[in-house]
């Protein structure tokens, strides 16, 4: 039925399919900072990196992270924060050195500021972890789409 509409599953063939094998051939360069470590770990996990002994591509990622106070009270106390994570990434073909994908991804989360400092720190950390996963998902989807068209 899908063939009639011109659509085909991106991950046809599962782990042995064309897209999965192409994604496994992507090596993620180190990314600076705590957010970078989280994003790189999520990317490596989602790409299945390491399954291919000789990587064909390199993924370079630069992050921009911001934590902004919002919702000021009359005494200048912040009641809400916005954590933003943006990524600029490039997929490089290692054989030719050509950049085959140059794109951005972004996500943000709102954090309520409560009286417990521990709760605020935990909420900020959880937001960063969630944003890292969201950014990783966006990047992998875009890379998979590009590699599917190229292959």
C-alpha atoms as a PDB file:
ATOM      1  CA  UNK A   1       0.000   0.000   0.000  1.00  0.00           C
ATOM      2  CA  UNK A   2       2.871   2.413   0.786  1.00  0.00           C
ATOM      3  CA  UNK A   3       4.471   1.740  -2.586  1.00  0.00           C
ATOM      4  CA  UNK A   4       1.375   3.124  -4.294  1.00  0.00           C
ATOM      5  CA  UNK A   5       1.778   6.529  -2.646  1.00  0.00           C
ATOM      6  CA  UNK A   6       5.505   6.805  -3.316  1.00  0.00           C
ATOM      7  CA  UNK A   7       6.519   6.595   0.350  1.00  0.00           C
ATOM      8  CA  UNK A   8       9.002   4.105   1.691  1.00  0.00           C
ATOM      9  CA  UNK A   9      10.145   3.555   5.285  1.00  0.00           C
ATOM     10  CA  UNK A  10      13.367   5.387   6.091  1.00  0.00           C
ATOM     11  CA  UNK A  11      14.705   2.567   8.248  1.00  0.00           C
ATOM     12  CA  UNK A  12      13.669  -0.278   5.936  1.00  0.00           C
ATOM     13  CA  UNK A  13      15.805  -3.317   6.665  1.00  0.00           C
ATOM     14  CA  UNK A  14      16.273  -2.450  10.345  1.00  0.00           C
ATOM     15  CA  UNK A  15      19.856  -2.428  11.580  1.00  0.00           C
ATOM     16  CA  UNK A  16      21.121  -3.885   8.304  1.00  0.00           C
ATOM     17  CA  UNK A  17      19.294  -1.361   6.118  1.00  0.00           C
ATOM     18  CA  UNK A  18      21.007   1.275   4.009  1.00  0.00           C
ATOM     19  CA  UNK A  19      20.215   4.210   6.318  1.00  0.00           C
ATOM     20  CA  UNK A  20      21.212   2.367   9.514  1.00  0.00           C
ATOM     21  CA  UNK A  21      24.540   1.320   7.981  1.00  0.00           C
ATOM     22  CA  UNK A  22      25.170   4.873   6.753  1.00  0.00           C
ATOM     23  CA  UNK A  23      24.408   6.311  10.200  1.00  0.00           C
ATOM     24  CA  UNK A  24      26.769   3.808  11.832  1.00  0.00           C
ATOM     25  CA  UNK A  25      29.520   5.227   9.599  1.00  0.00           C
ATOM     26  CA  UNK A  26      29.245   8.689  11.193  1.00  0.00           C
ATOM     27  CA  UNK A  27      31.934   9.627  13.718  1.00  0.00           C
ATOM     28  CA  UNK A  28      30.928  12.424  16.115  1.00  0.00           C
ATOM     29  CA  UNK A  29      33.729  14.864  16.926  1.00  0.00           C
ATOM     30  CA  UNK A  30      34.202  15.891  20.583  1.00  0.00           C
ATOM     31  CA  UNK A  31      31.943  18.779  21.649  1.00  0.00           C
ATOM     32  CA  UNK A  32      32.973  21.251  24.371  1.00  0.00           C
ATOM     33  CA  UNK A  33      31.307  21.522  27.764  1.00  0.00           C
ATOM     34  CA  UNK A  34      28.792  19.564  29.766  1.00  0.00           C
ATOM     35  CA  UNK A  35      26.034  20.119  27.207  1.00  0.00           C
ATOM     36  CA  UNK A  36      28.489  18.994  24.539  1.00  0.00           C
ATOM     37  CA  UNK A  37      29.210  15.782  26.402  1.00  0.00           C
ATOM     38  CA  UNK A  38      25.482  15.088  26.752  1.00  0.00           C
ATOM     39  CA  UNK A  39      24.740  15.837  23.080  1.00  0.00           C
ATOM     40  CA  UNK A  40      27.696  13.756  21.863  1.00  0.00           C
ATOM     41  CA  UNK A  41      26.661  10.787  24.022  1.00  0.00           C
ATOM     42  CA  UNK A  42      23.087  10.980  22.733  1.00  0.00           C
ATOM     43  CA  UNK A  43      24.270  11.322  19.118  1.00  0.00           C
ATOM     44  CA  UNK A  44      26.647   8.370  19.408  1.00  0.00           C
ATOM     45  CA  UNK A  45      23.865   6.270  20.899  1.00  0.00           C
ATOM     46  CA  UNK A  46      21.299   7.223  18.231  1.00  0.00           C
ATOM     47  CA  UNK A  47      23.685   6.886  15.304  1.00  0.00           C
ATOM     48  CA  UNK A  48      24.864   3.440  16.340  1.00  0.00           C
ATOM     49  CA  UNK A  49      28.412   4.725  15.971  1.00  0.00           C
ATOM     50  CA  UNK A  50      31.138   2.181  16.391  1.00  0.00           C
ATOM     51  CA  UNK A  51      29.290  -0.524  14.487  1.00  0.00           C
ATOM     52  CA  UNK A  52      31.233   0.480  11.374  1.00  0.00           C
ATOM     53  CA  UNK A  53      34.990   0.004  11.840  1.00  0.00           C
ATOM     54  CA  UNK A  54      35.909   2.631   9.238  1.00  0.00           C
ATOM     55  CA  UNK A  55      33.802   5.802   9.524  1.00  0.00           C
ATOM     56  CA  UNK A  56      32.808   7.441   6.239  1.00  0.00           C
ATOM     57  CA  UNK A  57      31.583  10.719   7.717  1.00  0.00           C
ATOM     58  CA  UNK A  58      32.463  13.129  10.514  1.00  0.00           C
ATOM     59  CA  UNK A  59      29.836  15.136  12.361  1.00  0.00           C
ATOM     60  CA  UNK A  60      31.104  18.441  13.762  1.00  0.00           C
ATOM     61  CA  UNK A  61      28.791  20.181  16.244  1.00  0.00           C
ATOM     62  CA  UNK A  62      29.080  23.586  17.914  1.00  0.00           C
ATOM     63  CA  UNK A  63      26.648  24.428  20.707  1.00  0.00           C
ATOM     64  CA  UNK A  64      25.299  27.709  22.024  1.00  0.00           C
ATOM     65  CA  UNK A  65      23.685  27.389  25.434  1.00  0.00           C
ATOM     66  CA  UNK A  66      21.841  30.142  27.306  1.00  0.00           C
ATOM     67  CA  UNK A  67      20.017  30.379  30.619  1.00  0.00           C
ATOM     68  CA  UNK A  68      17.849  33.483  30.808  1.00  0.00           C
ATOM     69  CA  UNK A  69      15.865  34.785  33.791  1.00  0.00           C
ATOM     70  CA  UNK A  70      12.248  35.720  33.139  1.00  0.00           C
ATOM     71  CA  UNK A  71       9.214  36.674  35.215  1.00  0.00           C
ATOM     72  CA  UNK A  72      10.625  39.280  37.579  1.00  0.00           C
ATOM     73  CA  UNK A  73       8.760  40.144  40.783  1.00  0.00           C
ATOM     74  CA  UNK A  74       8.664  43.646  42.242  1.00  0.00           C
ATOM     75  CA  UNK A  75      11.722  42.789  44.388  1.00  0.00           C
ATOM     76  CA  UNK A  76      13.683  41.763  41.234  1.00  0.00           C
ATOM     77  CA  UNK A  77      13.460  38.067  42.120  1.00  0.00           C
ATOM     78  CA  UNK A  78      13.347  35.772  39.071  1.00  0.00           C
ATOM     79  CA  UNK A  79      10.396  33.376  39.034  1.00  0.00           C
ATOM     80  CA  UNK A  80      11.067  31.569  35.763  1.00  0.00           C
ATOM     81  CA  UNK A  81      14.051  30.715  33.594  1.00  0.00           C
ATOM     82  CA  UNK A  82      14.377  29.758  29.970  1.00  0.00           C
ATOM     83  CA  UNK A  83      17.150  27.350  28.982  1.00  0.00           C
ATOM     84  CA  UNK A  84      18.018  27.419  25.281  1.00  0.00           C
ATOM     85  CA  UNK A  85      20.295  25.045  23.401  1.00  0.00           C
ATOM     86  CA  UNK A  86      21.215  25.663  19.768  1.00  0.00           C
ATOM     87  CA  UNK A  87      23.489  23.560  17.589  1.00  0.00           C
ATOM     88  CA  UNK A  88      25.225  24.277  14.316  1.00  0.00           C
ATOM     89  CA  UNK A  89      26.435  21.078  12.745  1.00  0.00           C
ATOM     90  CA  UNK A  90      28.221  19.920   9.622  1.00  0.00           C
ATOM     91  CA  UNK A  91      28.405  16.439   8.134  1.00  0.00           C
ATOM     92  CA  UNK A  92      31.744  15.985   6.385  1.00  0.00           C
ATOM     93  CA  UNK A  93      32.549  13.239   3.872  1.00  0.00           C
ATOM     94  CA  UNK A  94      35.917  11.918   5.044  1.00  0.00           C
ATOM     95  CA  UNK A  95      36.931  10.651   1.583  1.00  0.00           C
ATOM     96  CA  UNK A  96      36.574  13.992  -0.188  1.00  0.00           C
ATOM     97  CA  UNK A  97      36.511  16.468   2.715  1.00  0.00           C
ATOM     98  CA  UNK A  98      33.298  17.935   1.303  1.00  0.00           C
ATOM     99  CA  UNK A  99      30.630  19.288   3.638  1.00  0.00           C
ATOM    100  CA  UNK A 100      27.487  17.435   2.620  1.00  0.00           C
ATOM    101  CA  UNK A 101      25.199  18.922   5.268  1.00  0.00           C
ATOM    102  CA  UNK A 102      25.413  22.259   7.077  1.00  0.00           C
ATOM    103  CA  UNK A 103      22.415  22.935   9.301  1.00  0.00           C
ATOM    104  CA  UNK A 104      21.158  24.050  12.713  1.00  0.00           C
ATOM    105  CA  UNK A 105      18.953  22.581  15.410  1.00  0.00           C
ATOM    106  CA  UNK A 106      17.462  24.173  18.479  1.00  0.00           C
ATOM    107  CA  UNK A 107      15.287  23.591  21.507  1.00  0.00           C
ATOM    108  CA  UNK A 108      14.320  25.423  24.665  1.00  0.00           C
ATOM    109  CA  UNK A 109      12.672  24.677  27.992  1.00  0.00           C
ATOM    110  CA  UNK A 110      11.032  26.704  30.730  1.00  0.00           C
ATOM    111  CA  UNK A 111      12.015  26.224  34.369  1.00  0.00           C
ATOM    112  CA  UNK A 112      10.041  27.424  37.384  1.00  0.00           C
ATOM    113  CA  UNK A 113      12.132  28.966  40.158  1.00  0.00           C
ATOM    114  CA  UNK A 114      11.038  27.696  43.550  1.00  0.00           C
ATOM    115  CA  UNK A 115      12.295  28.346  47.075  1.00  0.00           C
ATOM    116  CA  UNK A 116      14.484  25.220  47.142  1.00  0.00           C
ATOM    117  CA  UNK A 117      17.848  25.873  45.516  1.00  0.00           C
ATOM    118  CA  UNK A 118      18.386  22.113  45.129  1.00  0.00           C
ATOM    119  CA  UNK A 119      15.099  21.762  43.243  1.00  0.00           C
ATOM    120  CA  UNK A 120      16.055  24.588  40.880  1.00  0.00           C
ATOM    121  CA  UNK A 121      19.479  23.056  40.175  1.00  0.00           C
ATOM    122  CA  UNK A 122      17.864  19.653  39.563  1.00  0.00           C
ATOM    123  CA  UNK A 123      15.290  21.223  37.219  1.00  0.00           C
ATOM    124  CA  UNK A 124      18.041  23.041  35.283  1.00  0.00           C
ATOM    125  CA  UNK A 125      20.002  19.783  34.944  1.00  0.00           C
ATOM    126  CA  UNK A 126      16.935  17.841  33.804  1.00  0.00           C
ATOM    127  CA  UNK A 127      16.124  20.549  31.270  1.00  0.00           C
ATOM    128  CA  UNK A 128      19.666  20.359  29.874  1.00  0.00           C
ATOM    129  CA  UNK A 129      19.459  16.567  29.571  1.00  0.00           C
ATOM    130  CA  UNK A 130      16.081  16.767  27.817  1.00  0.00           C
ATOM    131  CA  UNK A 131      17.297  19.498  25.446  1.00  0.00           C
ATOM    132  CA  UNK A 132      20.376  17.414  24.608  1.00  0.00           C
ATOM    133  CA  UNK A 133      18.165  14.489  23.605  1.00  0.00           C
ATOM    134  CA  UNK A 134      15.867  16.742  21.591  1.00  0.00           C
ATOM    135  CA  UNK A 135      18.784  18.341  19.719  1.00  0.00           C
ATOM    136  CA  UNK A 136      20.267  14.901  19.050  1.00  0.00           C
ATOM    137  CA  UNK A 137      16.979  13.637  17.634  1.00  0.00           C
ATOM    138  CA  UNK A 138      16.752  16.623  15.290  1.00  0.00           C
ATOM    139  CA  UNK A 139      20.330  16.156  14.083  1.00  0.00           C
ATOM    140  CA  UNK A 140      20.010  12.401  13.517  1.00  0.00           C
ATOM    141  CA  UNK A 141      16.748  12.819  11.604  1.00  0.00           C
ATOM    142  CA  UNK A 142      18.304  15.429   9.333  1.00  0.00           C
ATOM    143  CA  UNK A 143      21.501  13.399   8.816  1.00  0.00           C
ATOM    144  CA  UNK A 144      19.484  10.235   8.100  1.00  0.00           C
ATOM    145  CA  UNK A 145      17.387  12.085   5.524  1.00  0.00           C
ATOM    146  CA  UNK A 146      20.495  13.469   3.838  1.00  0.00           C
ATOM    147  CA  UNK A 147      22.280  10.107   3.776  1.00  0.00           C
ATOM    148  CA  UNK A 148      19.166   8.390   2.446  1.00  0.00           C
ATOM    149  CA  UNK A 149      19.013  10.822  -0.479  1.00  0.00           C
ATOM    150  CA  UNK A 150      22.753  10.486  -1.088  1.00  0.00           C
ATOM    151  CA  UNK A 151      22.679   6.676  -0.977  1.00  0.00           C
END
